[in-house]
Amino acid sequence: MKFKEEFKIVLPNVAMTTAYGIDNDRANDVEMDTTICIDPDHTYGGWYETYDVATGGDRFHAEGVLETRHDENGNVFLTGYDGCFELPDFILERLVEKGIIDEL
């Protein structure tokens, strides 16, 4: 399986929070522009990027890699990620909708 999907989503709550639990910024009803890609030829198996539309990512931005494995039946398994402390729920939900099996 290989795909790249771009979509916009309005999130009810967005926060840029440090690993120590301190919010650097927080807002409600933020429109995010998001891209997810699964590609078995990519070093890790995929990537993601999301940022707020209003500032082009100056206020809220996250990106990183999606670590995947592919089996002989064509199934794709999400085994890890990197780039932010916690993979945003809406990205994980979209991956599962696309048929990626969550092994996190």
N, C-alpha and C. Protein backbone atom coordinates (compact mmCIF):
# COMPACT_ATOMS: atom_id res chain seq x y z
N MET A 1 0.84 -1.18 0.00
CA MET A 1 0.00 0.00 0.00
C MET A 1 0.89 1.24 0.00
N LYS A 2 0.51 2.18 -0.83
CA LYS A 2 1.22 3.45 -0.91
C LYS A 2 0.19 4.52 -1.18
N PHE A 3 0.21 5.60 -0.39
CA PHE A 3 -0.71 6.71 -0.63
C PHE A 3 -0.19 7.97 0.03
N LYS A 4 -0.71 9.08 -0.46
CA LYS A 4 -0.46 10.39 0.14
C LYS A 4 -1.81 11.08 0.18
N GLU A 5 -2.19 11.57 1.35
CA GLU A 5 -3.48 12.23 1.49
C GLU A 5 -3.29 13.58 2.16
N GLU A 6 -3.92 14.60 1.58
CA GLU A 6 -3.92 15.94 2.15
C GLU A 6 -5.34 16.28 2.53
N PHE A 7 -5.54 16.82 3.73
CA PHE A 7 -6.88 17.18 4.17
C PHE A 7 -6.81 18.31 5.19
N LYS A 8 -7.91 19.00 5.33
CA LYS A 8 -8.05 20.03 6.34
C LYS A 8 -9.05 19.54 7.39
N ILE A 9 -8.81 19.94 8.62
CA ILE A 9 -9.68 19.55 9.72
C ILE A 9 -9.70 20.68 10.74
N VAL A 10 -10.87 20.93 11.33
CA VAL A 10 -10.97 21.92 12.40
C VAL A 10 -10.95 21.16 13.72
N LEU A 11 -9.97 21.48 14.54
CA LEU A 11 -9.82 20.82 15.84
C LEU A 11 -10.40 21.70 16.93
N PRO A 12 -11.19 21.11 17.83
CA PRO A 12 -11.81 21.91 18.89
C PRO A 12 -10.79 22.51 19.87
N ASN A 13 -9.67 21.81 20.08
CA ASN A 13 -8.62 22.29 20.99
C ASN A 13 -7.26 21.91 20.43
N VAL A 14 -6.36 22.87 20.38
CA VAL A 14 -4.98 22.62 19.94
C VAL A 14 -4.05 23.25 20.97
N ALA A 15 -2.97 22.54 21.30
CA ALA A 15 -1.98 23.09 22.23
C ALA A 15 -0.59 22.68 21.80
N MET A 16 0.33 23.59 21.95
CA MET A 16 1.75 23.29 21.79
C MET A 16 2.28 23.14 23.21
N THR A 17 2.49 21.89 23.62
CA THR A 17 2.84 21.58 25.00
C THR A 17 4.24 20.97 25.05
N THR A 18 5.05 21.40 26.00
CA THR A 18 6.39 20.85 26.14
C THR A 18 6.32 19.46 26.78
N ALA A 19 7.44 18.77 26.79
CA ALA A 19 7.53 17.46 27.42
C ALA A 19 7.31 17.56 28.93
N TYR A 20 7.40 18.75 29.47
CA TYR A 20 7.20 18.97 30.90
C TYR A 20 5.76 19.37 31.22
N GLY A 21 4.88 19.34 30.21
CA GLY A 21 3.47 19.64 30.42
C GLY A 21 3.13 21.12 30.45
N ILE A 22 4.02 21.96 29.97
CA ILE A 22 3.78 23.40 29.94
C ILE A 22 3.27 23.79 28.56
N ASP A 23 2.13 24.49 28.53
CA ASP A 23 1.57 24.95 27.26
C ASP A 23 2.29 26.22 26.81
N ASN A 24 2.86 26.17 25.61
CA ASN A 24 3.44 27.37 25.02
C ASN A 24 2.37 28.19 24.32
N ASP A 25 1.34 27.51 23.84
CA ASP A 25 0.22 28.16 23.17
C ASP A 25 -0.96 27.21 23.18
N ARG A 26 -2.16 27.77 23.17
CA ARG A 26 -3.38 26.96 23.19
C ARG A 26 -4.47 27.77 22.50
N ALA A 27 -5.34 27.08 21.72
CA ALA A 27 -6.44 27.76 21.03
C ALA A 27 -7.57 26.78 20.76
N ASN A 28 -8.74 27.32 20.49
CA ASN A 28 -9.93 26.53 20.16
C ASN A 28 -10.31 26.73 18.70
N ASP A 29 -10.94 25.70 18.13
CA ASP A 29 -11.45 25.76 16.75
C ASP A 29 -10.39 26.20 15.76
N VAL A 30 -9.33 25.44 15.68
CA VAL A 30 -8.20 25.74 14.81
C VAL A 30 -8.28 24.87 13.55
N GLU A 31 -8.23 25.52 12.39
CA GLU A 31 -8.21 24.76 11.13
C GLU A 31 -6.78 24.35 10.85
N MET A 32 -6.59 23.04 10.67
CA MET A 32 -5.27 22.48 10.42
C MET A 32 -5.21 21.91 9.01
N ASP A 33 -4.10 22.15 8.33
CA ASP A 33 -3.82 21.57 7.03
C ASP A 33 -2.87 20.40 7.29
N THR A 34 -3.25 19.21 6.84
CA THR A 34 -2.53 17.99 7.22
C THR A 34 -2.22 17.14 5.99
N THR A 35 -1.04 16.54 6.00
CA THR A 35 -0.64 15.58 4.97
C THR A 35 -0.12 14.34 5.67
N ILE A 36 -0.59 13.17 5.22
CA ILE A 36 -0.04 11.90 5.68
C ILE A 36 0.38 11.11 4.45
N CYS A 37 1.46 10.38 4.58
CA CYS A 37 1.97 9.61 3.45
C CYS A 37 2.48 8.26 3.96
N ILE A 38 2.07 7.22 3.28
CA ILE A 38 2.60 5.88 3.51
C ILE A 38 3.30 5.47 2.22
N ASP A 39 4.57 5.10 2.35
CA ASP A 39 5.38 4.75 1.18
C ASP A 39 6.41 3.70 1.60
N PRO A 40 6.27 2.47 1.11
CA PRO A 40 7.23 1.43 1.52
C PRO A 40 8.66 1.73 1.09
N ASP A 41 8.85 2.65 0.15
CA ASP A 41 10.19 3.02 -0.29
C ASP A 41 10.81 4.13 0.58
N HIS A 42 10.00 4.75 1.43
CA HIS A 42 10.50 5.77 2.36
C HIS A 42 11.33 5.06 3.44
N THR A 43 12.35 5.70 3.93
CA THR A 43 13.26 5.09 4.91
C THR A 43 12.51 4.46 6.09
N TYR A 44 11.49 5.13 6.61
CA TYR A 44 10.76 4.63 7.77
C TYR A 44 9.40 4.04 7.41
N GLY A 45 8.92 4.33 6.22
CA GLY A 45 7.62 3.81 5.79
C GLY A 45 6.57 4.88 5.61
N GLY A 46 6.85 6.10 6.05
CA GLY A 46 5.89 7.18 5.86
C GLY A 46 6.24 8.41 6.65
N TRP A 47 5.38 9.41 6.54
CA TRP A 47 5.59 10.67 7.25
C TRP A 47 4.27 11.41 7.41
N TYR A 48 4.28 12.44 8.23
CA TYR A 48 3.11 13.28 8.45
C TYR A 48 3.55 14.72 8.69
N GLU A 49 2.65 15.64 8.40
CA GLU A 49 2.86 17.05 8.73
C GLU A 49 1.49 17.68 8.93
N THR A 50 1.39 18.54 9.93
CA THR A 50 0.15 19.27 10.18
C THR A 50 0.51 20.65 10.70
N TYR A 51 -0.24 21.64 10.26
CA TYR A 51 0.01 23.01 10.71
C TYR A 51 -1.27 23.83 10.61
N ASP A 52 -1.32 24.91 11.41
CA ASP A 52 -2.51 25.75 11.38
C ASP A 52 -2.54 26.58 10.11
N VAL A 53 -3.73 26.67 9.52
CA VAL A 53 -3.91 27.39 8.26
C VAL A 53 -3.73 28.90 8.46
N ALA A 54 -4.22 29.43 9.57
CA ALA A 54 -4.22 30.88 9.78
C ALA A 54 -2.83 31.50 9.73
N THR A 55 -1.82 30.80 10.27
CA THR A 55 -0.47 31.37 10.29
C THR A 55 0.51 30.58 9.44
N GLY A 56 0.03 29.60 8.71
CA GLY A 56 0.93 28.78 7.89
C GLY A 56 1.90 27.97 8.73
N GLY A 57 1.51 27.67 9.95
CA GLY A 57 2.34 26.84 10.83
C GLY A 57 3.21 27.62 11.79
N ASP A 58 3.14 28.93 11.76
CA ASP A 58 3.95 29.70 12.71
C ASP A 58 3.45 29.53 14.15
N ARG A 59 2.15 29.26 14.31
CA ARG A 59 1.60 29.11 15.66
C ARG A 59 1.56 27.65 16.10
N PHE A 60 1.04 26.77 15.24
CA PHE A 60 0.94 25.34 15.55
C PHE A 60 1.50 24.53 14.39
N HIS A 61 2.42 23.63 14.69
CA HIS A 61 3.05 22.83 13.64
C HIS A 61 3.60 21.54 14.26
N ALA A 62 3.38 20.43 13.58
CA ALA A 62 3.98 19.16 13.99
C ALA A 62 4.28 18.36 12.74
N GLU A 63 5.38 17.64 12.74
CA GLU A 63 5.74 16.79 11.62
C GLU A 63 6.66 15.69 12.10
N GLY A 64 6.73 14.63 11.32
CA GLY A 64 7.63 13.55 11.69
C GLY A 64 7.46 12.35 10.79
N VAL A 65 8.04 11.24 11.22
CA VAL A 65 7.99 10.01 10.43
C VAL A 65 6.98 9.04 11.02
N LEU A 66 6.47 8.19 10.15
CA LEU A 66 5.60 7.08 10.53
C LEU A 66 6.38 5.80 10.28
N GLU A 67 6.62 5.03 11.31
CA GLU A 67 7.37 3.79 11.18
C GLU A 67 6.37 2.67 10.89
N THR A 68 6.57 1.99 9.76
CA THR A 68 5.63 0.95 9.35
C THR A 68 6.37 -0.32 8.96
N ARG A 69 5.61 -1.40 8.96
CA ARG A 69 6.09 -2.65 8.36
C ARG A 69 4.98 -3.15 7.46
N HIS A 70 5.37 -3.84 6.43
CA HIS A 70 4.43 -4.34 5.43
C HIS A 70 4.57 -5.86 5.38
N ASP A 71 3.44 -6.57 5.38
CA ASP A 71 3.52 -8.02 5.29
C ASP A 71 3.29 -8.49 3.85
N GLU A 72 3.43 -9.78 3.64
CA GLU A 72 3.32 -10.36 2.31
C GLU A 72 1.91 -10.29 1.74
N ASN A 73 0.91 -10.03 2.58
CA ASN A 73 -0.48 -9.91 2.11
C ASN A 73 -0.85 -8.47 1.74
N GLY A 74 0.09 -7.54 1.86
CA GLY A 74 -0.18 -6.15 1.54
C GLY A 74 -0.67 -5.32 2.70
N ASN A 75 -0.74 -5.91 3.89
CA ASN A 75 -1.16 -5.17 5.07
C ASN A 75 -0.03 -4.24 5.53
N VAL A 76 -0.41 -3.08 6.06
CA VAL A 76 0.56 -2.13 6.58
C VAL A 76 0.27 -1.93 8.06
N PHE A 77 1.32 -2.01 8.88
CA PHE A 77 1.22 -1.90 10.32
C PHE A 77 1.99 -0.68 10.79
N LEU A 78 1.33 0.19 11.56
CA LEU A 78 2.00 1.32 12.17
C LEU A 78 2.66 0.83 13.45
N THR A 79 3.99 0.84 13.47
CA THR A 79 4.73 0.29 14.61
C THR A 79 5.37 1.37 15.47
N GLY A 80 5.43 2.60 14.96
CA GLY A 80 6.03 3.69 15.74
C GLY A 80 5.92 5.00 14.98
N TYR A 81 6.41 6.03 15.60
CA TYR A 81 6.43 7.36 14.99
C TYR A 81 7.50 8.18 15.68
N ASP A 82 7.86 9.29 15.08
CA ASP A 82 8.81 10.21 15.68
C ASP A 82 8.48 11.61 15.20
N GLY A 83 8.95 12.60 15.92
CA GLY A 83 8.75 13.97 15.51
C GLY A 83 8.01 14.81 16.52
N CYS A 84 7.13 14.19 17.28
CA CYS A 84 6.44 14.90 18.36
C CYS A 84 6.21 13.90 19.49
N PHE A 85 5.95 14.45 20.66
CA PHE A 85 5.83 13.61 21.86
C PHE A 85 4.70 12.59 21.71
N GLU A 86 3.57 13.03 21.17
CA GLU A 86 2.42 12.15 21.01
C GLU A 86 1.83 12.35 19.62
N LEU A 87 1.63 11.27 18.88
CA LEU A 87 1.02 11.37 17.55
C LEU A 87 -0.40 11.88 17.70
N PRO A 88 -0.76 12.97 17.02
CA PRO A 88 -2.12 13.50 17.16
C PRO A 88 -3.18 12.45 16.82
N ASP A 89 -4.23 12.41 17.65
CA ASP A 89 -5.30 11.42 17.47
C ASP A 89 -5.92 11.47 16.08
N PHE A 90 -6.13 12.67 15.54
CA PHE A 90 -6.80 12.76 14.25
C PHE A 90 -5.95 12.19 13.12
N ILE A 91 -4.64 12.20 13.28
CA ILE A 91 -3.77 11.57 12.28
C ILE A 91 -3.86 10.06 12.40
N LEU A 92 -3.78 9.54 13.61
CA LEU A 92 -3.91 8.10 13.82
C LEU A 92 -5.27 7.60 13.33
N GLU A 93 -6.33 8.32 13.63
CA GLU A 93 -7.67 7.92 13.18
C GLU A 93 -7.75 7.87 11.65
N ARG A 94 -7.15 8.85 10.97
CA ARG A 94 -7.18 8.86 9.50
C ARG A 94 -6.37 7.69 8.93
N LEU A 95 -5.25 7.36 9.55
CA LEU A 95 -4.46 6.21 9.10
C LEU A 95 -5.26 4.92 9.22
N VAL A 96 -5.95 4.74 10.35
CA VAL A 96 -6.77 3.54 10.55
C VAL A 96 -7.90 3.50 9.53
N GLU A 97 -8.52 4.64 9.24
CA GLU A 97 -9.58 4.71 8.21
C GLU A 97 -9.05 4.26 6.84
N LYS A 98 -7.78 4.56 6.58
CA LYS A 98 -7.17 4.19 5.30
C LYS A 98 -6.74 2.73 5.26
N GLY A 99 -6.88 2.02 6.37
CA GLY A 99 -6.57 0.59 6.40
C GLY A 99 -5.25 0.23 7.07
N ILE A 100 -4.59 1.22 7.68
CA ILE A 100 -3.36 0.94 8.39
C ILE A 100 -3.72 0.30 9.74
N ILE A 101 -3.01 -0.76 10.09
CA ILE A 101 -3.27 -1.47 11.34
C ILE A 101 -2.41 -0.86 12.44
N ASP A 102 -3.04 -0.37 13.49
CA ASP A 102 -2.38 0.30 14.61
C ASP A 102 -1.76 -0.72 15.54
N GLU A 103 -0.41 -0.71 15.62
CA GLU A 103 0.30 -1.57 16.56
C GLU A 103 1.02 -0.77 17.64
N LEU A 104 0.61 0.47 17.84
CA LEU A 104 1.27 1.31 18.85
C LEU A 104 0.90 0.85 20.25
